């Protein structure tokens, strides 16, 4: 039986791969129905992604240091 932590890590890794495949950034509003806020927050806390305000919305992008 899969551990819930393993499942959470899989979702976080899937999100990182998806962002990379989209050119390194993705509109944050497009993720609201697909990814839980806790997954996004965890990646932000680990400084793997960052949020950029474009003036017309927010982008979730791979952190430059990552």
PDB file of N, CA and C in Angstrom:
ATOM      1  N   UNK A   1       0.845  -1.177   0.000  1.00  0.00           N
ATOM      2  CA  UNK A   1       0.000   0.000   0.000  1.00  0.00           C
ATOM      3  C   UNK A   1       0.888   1.236   0.000  1.00  0.00           C
ATOM      4  N   UNK A   2       0.573   2.198  -0.847  1.00  0.00           N
ATOM      5  CA  UNK A   2       1.386   3.400  -0.977  1.00  0.00           C
ATOM      6  C   UNK A   2       1.179   4.326   0.222  1.00  0.00           C
ATOM      7  N   UNK A   3       2.245   4.889   0.655  1.00  0.00           N
ATOM      8  CA  UNK A   3       2.213   5.846   1.747  1.00  0.00           C
ATOM      9  C   UNK A   3       1.681   7.178   1.206  1.00  0.00           C
ATOM     10  N   UNK A   4       0.927   7.919   2.009  1.00  0.00           N
ATOM     11  CA  UNK A   4       0.388   9.200   1.546  1.00  0.00           C
ATOM     12  C   UNK A   4       1.508  10.200   1.274  1.00  0.00           C
ATOM     13  N   UNK A   5       2.627  10.086   1.977  1.00  0.00           N
ATOM     14  CA  UNK A   5       3.771  10.965   1.728  1.00  0.00           C
ATOM     15  C   UNK A   5       4.356  10.679   0.352  1.00  0.00           C
ATOM     16  N   UNK A   6       4.435   9.394  -0.013  1.00  0.00           N
ATOM     17  CA  UNK A   6       4.921   9.026  -1.341  1.00  0.00           C
ATOM     18  C   UNK A   6       4.013   9.589  -2.423  1.00  0.00           C
ATOM     19  N   UNK A   7       2.727   9.506  -2.213  1.00  0.00           N
ATOM     20  CA  UNK A   7       1.762  10.035  -3.158  1.00  0.00           C
ATOM     21  C   UNK A   7       1.908  11.548  -3.288  1.00  0.00           C
ATOM     22  N   UNK A   8       2.095  12.212  -2.164  1.00  0.00           N
ATOM     23  CA  UNK A   8       2.273  13.659  -2.167  1.00  0.00           C
ATOM     24  C   UNK A   8       3.537  14.033  -2.940  1.00  0.00           C
ATOM     25  N   UNK A   9       4.620  13.308  -2.709  1.00  0.00           N
ATOM     26  CA  UNK A   9       5.883  13.559  -3.421  1.00  0.00           C
ATOM     27  C   UNK A   9       5.729  13.311  -4.919  1.00  0.00           C
ATOM     28  N   UNK A  10       4.977  12.290  -5.290  1.00  0.00           N
ATOM     29  CA  UNK A  10       4.734  12.013  -6.704  1.00  0.00           C
ATOM     30  C   UNK A  10       3.990  13.170  -7.358  1.00  0.00           C
ATOM     31  N   UNK A  11       2.997  13.698  -6.663  1.00  0.00           N
ATOM     32  CA  UNK A  11       2.248  14.837  -7.218  1.00  0.00           C
ATOM     33  C   UNK A  11       3.136  16.064  -7.357  1.00  0.00           C
ATOM     34  N   UNK A  12       4.004  16.302  -6.372  1.00  0.00           N
ATOM     35  CA  UNK A  12       4.922  17.439  -6.427  1.00  0.00           C
ATOM     36  C   UNK A  12       5.909  17.270  -7.584  1.00  0.00           C
ATOM     37  N   UNK A  13       6.459  16.073  -7.751  1.00  0.00           N
ATOM     38  CA  UNK A  13       7.389  15.823  -8.857  1.00  0.00           C
ATOM     39  C   UNK A  13       6.696  15.928 -10.206  1.00  0.00           C
ATOM     40  N   UNK A  14       5.454  15.476 -10.271  1.00  0.00           N
ATOM     41  CA  UNK A  14       4.687  15.590 -11.511  1.00  0.00           C
ATOM     42  C   UNK A  14       4.471  17.063 -11.864  1.00  0.00           C
ATOM     43  N   UNK A  15       4.175  17.872 -10.877  1.00  0.00           N
ATOM     44  CA  UNK A  15       3.982  19.303 -11.120  1.00  0.00           C
ATOM     45  C   UNK A  15       5.278  19.937 -11.616  1.00  0.00           C
ATOM     46  N   UNK A  16       6.409  19.613 -11.016  1.00  0.00           N
ATOM     47  CA  UNK A  16       7.690  20.149 -11.481  1.00  0.00           C
ATOM     48  C   UNK A  16       7.963  19.746 -12.933  1.00  0.00           C
ATOM     49  N   UNK A  17       7.712  18.487 -13.281  1.00  0.00           N
ATOM     50  CA  UNK A  17       7.903  18.036 -14.660  1.00  0.00           C
ATOM     51  C   UNK A  17       6.969  18.781 -15.613  1.00  0.00           C
ATOM     52  N   UNK A  18       5.742  18.991 -15.196  1.00  0.00           N
ATOM     53  CA  UNK A  18       4.779  19.698 -16.037  1.00  0.00           C
ATOM     54  C   UNK A  18       5.220  21.135 -16.292  1.00  0.00           C
ATOM     55  N   UNK A  19       5.733  21.787 -15.260  1.00  0.00           N
ATOM     56  CA  UNK A  19       6.201  23.160 -15.427  1.00  0.00           C
ATOM     57  C   UNK A  19       7.382  23.196 -16.394  1.00  0.00           C
ATOM     58  N   UNK A  20       8.303  22.255 -16.244  1.00  0.00           N
ATOM     59  CA  UNK A  20       9.454  22.193 -17.162  1.00  0.00           C
ATOM     60  C   UNK A  20       9.001  21.984 -18.599  1.00  0.00           C
ATOM     61  N   UNK A  21       8.026  21.110 -18.801  1.00  0.00           N
ATOM     62  CA  UNK A  21       7.529  20.834 -20.157  1.00  0.00           C
ATOM     63  C   UNK A  21       6.809  22.029 -20.770  1.00  0.00           C
ATOM     64  N   UNK A  22       6.311  22.913 -19.932  1.00  0.00           N
ATOM     65  CA  UNK A  22       5.614  24.113 -20.408  1.00  0.00           C
ATOM     66  C   UNK A  22       6.566  25.295 -20.568  1.00  0.00           C
ATOM     67  N   UNK A  23       7.859  25.044 -20.589  1.00  0.00           N
ATOM     68  CA  UNK A  23       8.820  26.121 -20.797  1.00  0.00           C
ATOM     69  C   UNK A  23       9.334  26.754 -19.521  1.00  0.00           C
ATOM     70  N   UNK A  24       9.061  26.158 -18.386  1.00  0.00           N
ATOM     71  CA  UNK A  24       9.586  26.660 -17.123  1.00  0.00           C
ATOM     72  C   UNK A  24       8.613  27.501 -16.320  1.00  0.00           C
ATOM     73  N   UNK A  25       7.461  27.815 -16.896  1.00  0.00           N
ATOM     74  CA  UNK A  25       6.462  28.561 -16.126  1.00  0.00           C
ATOM     75  C   UNK A  25       5.068  28.193 -16.626  1.00  0.00           C
ATOM     76  N   UNK A  26       4.115  28.376 -15.730  1.00  0.00           N
ATOM     77  CA  UNK A  26       2.728  28.035 -16.046  1.00  0.00           C
ATOM     78  C   UNK A  26       1.818  28.993 -15.271  1.00  0.00           C
ATOM     79  N   UNK A  27       0.736  29.463 -15.882  1.00  0.00           N
ATOM     80  CA  UNK A  27      -0.176  30.341 -15.145  1.00  0.00           C
ATOM     81  C   UNK A  27      -0.732  29.651 -13.912  1.00  0.00           C
ATOM     82  N   UNK A  28      -0.662  30.340 -12.791  1.00  0.00           N
ATOM     83  CA  UNK A  28      -1.095  29.755 -11.532  1.00  0.00           C
ATOM     84  C   UNK A  28      -2.578  29.403 -11.551  1.00  0.00           C
ATOM     85  N   UNK A  29      -3.394  30.223 -12.202  1.00  0.00           N
ATOM     86  CA  UNK A  29      -4.840  29.952 -12.230  1.00  0.00           C
ATOM     87  C   UNK A  29      -5.169  28.650 -12.958  1.00  0.00           C
ATOM     88  N   UNK A  30      -4.308  28.211 -13.859  1.00  0.00           N
ATOM     89  CA  UNK A  30      -4.586  26.977 -14.592  1.00  0.00           C
ATOM     90  C   UNK A  30      -4.365  25.735 -13.735  1.00  0.00           C
ATOM     91  N   UNK A  31      -3.705  25.904 -12.584  1.00  0.00           N
ATOM     92  CA  UNK A  31      -3.419  24.770 -11.700  1.00  0.00           C
ATOM     93  C   UNK A  31      -4.440  24.605 -10.584  1.00  0.00           C
ATOM     94  N   UNK A  32      -5.285  25.569 -10.369  1.00  0.00           N
ATOM     95  CA  UNK A  32      -6.170  25.574  -9.216  1.00  0.00           C
ATOM     96  C   UNK A  32      -7.067  24.347  -9.134  1.00  0.00           C
ATOM     97  N   UNK A  33      -7.499  23.825 -10.253  1.00  0.00           N
ATOM     98  CA  UNK A  33      -8.386  22.658 -10.240  1.00  0.00           C
ATOM     99  C   UNK A  33      -7.624  21.348 -10.358  1.00  0.00           C
ATOM    100  N   UNK A  34      -6.340  21.404 -10.741  1.00  0.00           N
ATOM    101  CA  UNK A  34      -5.590  20.187 -11.000  1.00  0.00           C
ATOM    102  C   UNK A  34      -4.661  19.791  -9.857  1.00  0.00           C
ATOM    103  N   UNK A  35      -4.156  20.767  -9.107  1.00  0.00           N
ATOM    104  CA  UNK A  35      -3.137  20.520  -8.086  1.00  0.00           C
ATOM    105  C   UNK A  35      -3.592  21.153  -6.785  1.00  0.00           C
ATOM    106  N   UNK A  36      -3.394  20.448  -5.692  1.00  0.00           N
ATOM    107  CA  UNK A  36      -3.795  21.007  -4.404  1.00  0.00           C
ATOM    108  C   UNK A  36      -2.858  22.150  -4.003  1.00  0.00           C
ATOM    109  N   UNK A  37      -3.403  23.078  -3.273  1.00  0.00           N
ATOM    110  CA  UNK A  37      -2.616  24.215  -2.804  1.00  0.00           C
ATOM    111  C   UNK A  37      -1.458  23.767  -1.919  1.00  0.00           C
ATOM    112  N   UNK A  38      -1.627  22.668  -1.192  1.00  0.00           N
ATOM    113  CA  UNK A  38      -0.556  22.203  -0.314  1.00  0.00           C
ATOM    114  C   UNK A  38       0.650  21.713  -1.118  1.00  0.00           C
ATOM    115  N   UNK A  39       0.425  21.138  -2.294  1.00  0.00           N
ATOM    116  CA  UNK A  39       1.546  20.725  -3.143  1.00  0.00           C
ATOM    117  C   UNK A  39       2.297  21.954  -3.628  1.00  0.00           C
ATOM    118  N   UNK A  40       1.572  22.950  -4.099  1.00  0.00           N
ATOM    119  CA  UNK A  40       2.195  24.189  -4.561  1.00  0.00           C
ATOM    120  C   UNK A  40       2.947  24.852  -3.418  1.00  0.00           C
ATOM    121  N   UNK A  41       2.330  24.930  -2.240  1.00  0.00           N
ATOM    122  CA  UNK A  41       2.966  25.572  -1.096  1.00  0.00           C
ATOM    123  C   UNK A  41       4.238  24.841  -0.676  1.00  0.00           C
ATOM    124  N   UNK A  42       4.231  23.528  -0.730  1.00  0.00           N
ATOM    125  CA  UNK A  42       5.415  22.761  -0.374  1.00  0.00           C
ATOM    126  C   UNK A  42       6.572  23.064  -1.324  1.00  0.00           C
ATOM    127  N   UNK A  43       6.286  23.137  -2.616  1.00  0.00           N
ATOM    128  CA  UNK A  43       7.331  23.475  -3.580  1.00  0.00           C
ATOM    129  C   UNK A  43       7.843  24.899  -3.374  1.00  0.00           C
ATOM    130  N   UNK A  44       6.949  25.801  -2.988  1.00  0.00           N
ATOM    131  CA  UNK A  44       7.375  27.166  -2.673  1.00  0.00           C
ATOM    132  C   UNK A  44       8.261  27.183  -1.424  1.00  0.00           C
ATOM    133  N   UNK A  45       7.870  26.433  -0.397  1.00  0.00           N
ATOM    134  CA  UNK A  45       8.653  26.368   0.843  1.00  0.00           C
ATOM    135  C   UNK A  45      10.039  25.785   0.610  1.00  0.00           C
ATOM    136  N   UNK A  46      10.130  24.802  -0.291  1.00  0.00           N
ATOM    137  CA  UNK A  46      11.421  24.193  -0.614  1.00  0.00           C
ATOM    138  C   UNK A  46      12.231  25.048  -1.587  1.00  0.00           C
ATOM    139  N   UNK A  47      11.638  26.172  -2.020  1.00  0.00           N
ATOM    140  CA  UNK A  47      12.253  27.111  -2.955  1.00  0.00           C
ATOM    141  C   UNK A  47      12.602  26.457  -4.294  1.00  0.00           C
ATOM    142  N   UNK A  48      11.770  25.516  -4.718  1.00  0.00           N
ATOM    143  CA  UNK A  48      11.935  24.881  -6.018  1.00  0.00           C
ATOM    144  C   UNK A  48      11.199  25.646  -7.107  1.00  0.00           C
ATOM    145  N   UNK A  49      10.166  26.372  -6.702  1.00  0.00           N
ATOM    146  CA  UNK A  49       9.407  27.214  -7.619  1.00  0.00           C
ATOM    147  C   UNK A  49       9.228  28.588  -6.983  1.00  0.00           C
ATOM    148  N   UNK A  50       8.844  29.529  -7.817  1.00  0.00           N
ATOM    149  CA  UNK A  50       8.541  30.873  -7.318  1.00  0.00           C
ATOM    150  C   UNK A  50       7.338  31.410  -8.077  1.00  0.00           C
ATOM    151  N   UNK A  51       6.710  32.409  -7.510  1.00  0.00           N
ATOM    152  CA  UNK A  51       5.541  33.026  -8.118  1.00  0.00           C
ATOM    153  C   UNK A  51       5.944  34.396  -8.631  1.00  0.00           C
ATOM    154  N   UNK A  52       5.580  34.667  -9.867  1.00  0.00           N
ATOM    155  CA  UNK A  52       5.871  35.955 -10.479  1.00  0.00           C
ATOM    156  C   UNK A  52       4.557  36.646 -10.814  1.00  0.00           C
ATOM    157  N   UNK A  53       4.435  37.926 -10.408  1.00  0.00           N
ATOM    158  CA  UNK A  53       3.267  38.726 -10.742  1.00  0.00           C
ATOM    159  C   UNK A  53       3.541  39.425 -12.060  1.00  0.00           C
ATOM    160  N   UNK A  54       2.765  39.100 -13.082  1.00  0.00           N
ATOM    161  CA  UNK A  54       2.978  39.680 -14.406  1.00  0.00           C
ATOM    162  C   UNK A  54       2.177  40.963 -14.621  1.00  0.00           C
ATOM    163  N   UNK A  55       1.342  41.312 -13.679  1.00  0.00           N
ATOM    164  CA  UNK A  55       0.455  42.446 -13.857  1.00  0.00           C
ATOM    165  C   UNK A  55      -0.885  42.023 -14.451  1.00  0.00           C
ATOM    166  N   UNK A  56      -0.914  40.866 -15.070  1.00  0.00           N
ATOM    167  CA  UNK A  56      -2.144  40.330 -15.651  1.00  0.00           C
ATOM    168  C   UNK A  56      -2.496  38.984 -15.050  1.00  0.00           C
ATOM    169  N   UNK A  57      -1.720  38.579 -14.058  1.00  0.00           N
ATOM    170  CA  UNK A  57      -1.925  37.288 -13.415  1.00  0.00           C
ATOM    171  C   UNK A  57      -0.631  36.817 -12.777  1.00  0.00           C
ATOM    172  N   UNK A  58      -0.652  35.624 -12.261  1.00  0.00           N
ATOM    173  CA  UNK A  58       0.513  35.080 -11.581  1.00  0.00           C
ATOM    174  C   UNK A  58       1.011  33.851 -12.315  1.00  0.00           C
ATOM    175  N   UNK A  59       2.337  33.745 -12.423  1.00  0.00           N
ATOM    176  CA  UNK A  59       2.973  32.596 -13.023  1.00  0.00           C
ATOM    177  C   UNK A  59       3.703  31.800 -11.954  1.00  0.00           C
ATOM    178  N   UNK A  60       3.595  30.506 -12.019  1.00  0.00           N
ATOM    179  CA  UNK A  60       4.381  29.626 -11.182  1.00  0.00           C
ATOM    180  C   UNK A  60       5.545  29.169 -12.066  1.00  0.00           C
ATOM    181  N   UNK A  61       6.764  29.460 -11.637  1.00  0.00           N
ATOM    182  CA  UNK A  61       7.924  29.144 -12.463  1.00  0.00           C
ATOM    183  C   UNK A  61       8.992  28.440 -11.656  1.00  0.00           C
ATOM    184  N   UNK A  62       9.820  27.692 -12.363  1.00  0.00           N
ATOM    185  CA  UNK A  62      10.949  27.007 -11.741  1.00  0.00           C
ATOM    186  C   UNK A  62      11.885  28.077 -11.180  1.00  0.00           C
ATOM    187  N   UNK A  63      12.330  27.896  -9.946  1.00  0.00           N
ATOM    188  CA  UNK A  63      13.239  28.849  -9.313  1.00  0.00           C
ATOM    189  C   UNK A  63      14.563  28.867 -10.069  1.00  0.00           C
ATOM    190  N   UNK A  64      15.144  30.025 -10.212  1.00  0.00           N
ATOM    191  CA  UNK A  64      16.386  30.182 -10.960  1.00  0.00           C
ATOM    192  C   UNK A  64      17.531  29.401 -10.312  1.00  0.00           C
ATOM    193  N   UNK A  65      17.538  29.315  -9.004  1.00  0.00           N
ATOM    194  CA  UNK A  65      18.622  28.632  -8.300  1.00  0.00           C
ATOM    195  C   UNK A  65      18.499  27.126  -8.384  1.00  0.00           C
ATOM    196  N   UNK A  66      17.316  26.645  -8.781  1.00  0.00           N
ATOM    197  CA  UNK A  66      17.076  25.198  -8.833  1.00  0.00           C
ATOM    198  C   UNK A  66      17.599  24.650 -10.087  1.00  0.00           C
TER     199      UNK A  66
END
